[in-house]
Protein backbone atom coordinates (compact mmCIF):
# COMPACT_ATOMS: atom_id res chain seq x y z
CA MET A 1 0.00 0.00 0.00
CA ALA A 2 1.43 3.34 -1.04
CA ILE A 3 -0.40 6.39 0.20
CA ILE A 4 1.26 9.56 -1.09
CA ILE A 5 0.80 12.88 0.69
CA ASN A 6 1.00 15.91 -1.61
CA ILE A 7 0.83 18.75 0.90
CA ASP A 8 4.13 20.16 -0.42
CA VAL A 9 2.68 20.33 -3.93
CA MET A 10 -0.38 22.22 -2.74
CA LEU A 11 1.74 24.54 -0.60
CA ALA A 12 3.89 25.39 -3.64
CA LYS A 13 0.80 26.02 -5.79
CA ARG A 14 -0.58 28.38 -3.13
CA LYS A 15 2.85 29.97 -2.48
CA MET A 16 2.47 29.25 1.22
CA LYS A 17 5.02 28.12 3.77
CA SER A 18 4.55 25.08 5.99
CA LYS A 19 4.87 27.24 9.09
CA ASN A 20 1.94 29.42 7.97
CA LEU A 21 -0.24 26.40 7.20
CA ALA A 22 0.53 24.81 10.57
CA GLN A 23 -0.35 28.04 12.34
CA GLN A 24 -3.63 28.47 10.46
CA ILE A 25 -4.83 24.89 11.05
CA GLY A 26 -3.73 24.78 14.68
CA ILE A 27 -1.05 22.08 14.68
CA THR A 28 2.67 22.26 15.36
CA PRO A 29 5.12 22.57 12.46
CA ALA A 30 6.64 19.27 13.67
CA ASN A 31 3.30 17.46 13.32
CA LEU A 32 2.75 18.98 9.88
CA SER A 33 6.21 17.77 8.89
CA ILE A 34 5.28 14.24 9.97
CA LEU A 35 2.17 14.45 7.77
CA LYS A 36 4.08 15.86 4.80
CA THR A 37 6.74 13.16 4.87
CA GLY A 38 4.20 10.34 5.08
CA ARG A 39 5.41 9.12 8.48
CA ALA A 40 2.03 9.68 10.12
CA LYS A 41 0.00 6.59 10.99
CA GLY A 42 -3.24 8.47 10.32
CA ILE A 43 -4.87 11.85 9.98
CA ARG A 44 -7.97 13.17 11.69
CA PHE A 45 -10.80 14.27 9.45
CA GLU A 46 -10.84 17.53 11.41
CA THR A 47 -7.20 18.17 10.44
CA LEU A 48 -7.80 17.16 6.83
CA ASP A 49 -10.82 19.46 6.70
CA ALA A 50 -8.76 22.37 8.05
CA ILE A 51 -5.95 21.74 5.53
CA CYS A 52 -8.45 21.65 2.66
CA LYS A 53 -10.13 24.86 3.79
CA VAL A 54 -6.85 26.77 4.08
CA LEU A 55 -5.38 25.41 0.82
CA GLU A 56 -8.76 25.64 -0.97
CA CYS A 57 -8.56 22.09 -2.29
CA LYS A 58 -10.17 18.66 -1.98
CA PRO A 59 -8.80 15.70 0.04
CA GLY A 60 -7.93 13.97 -3.26
CA ASP A 61 -5.58 16.83 -4.08
CA ILE A 62 -3.61 16.08 -0.92
CA ILE A 63 -3.84 12.31 -0.60
CA ASP A 64 -3.09 9.91 -3.45
CA TYR A 65 -2.92 6.12 -3.67
CA ILE A 66 -0.46 4.26 -5.87
CA GLU A 67 -0.23 0.47 -5.97
């Protein structure tokens, strides 16, 4: 199973820094880094919702699945 997290791609498209995103969604930059690198075991829907609102995207823009 290969779940790919594309937060960096969306941040680049929106010309936003990770630190700003973390601040706006209410998590630490360290926790955002764990999400971005794919080391997280899971993500709360609340956090995913906040990321999508700030980056003005859909969950499918952030999370991808490749076999």
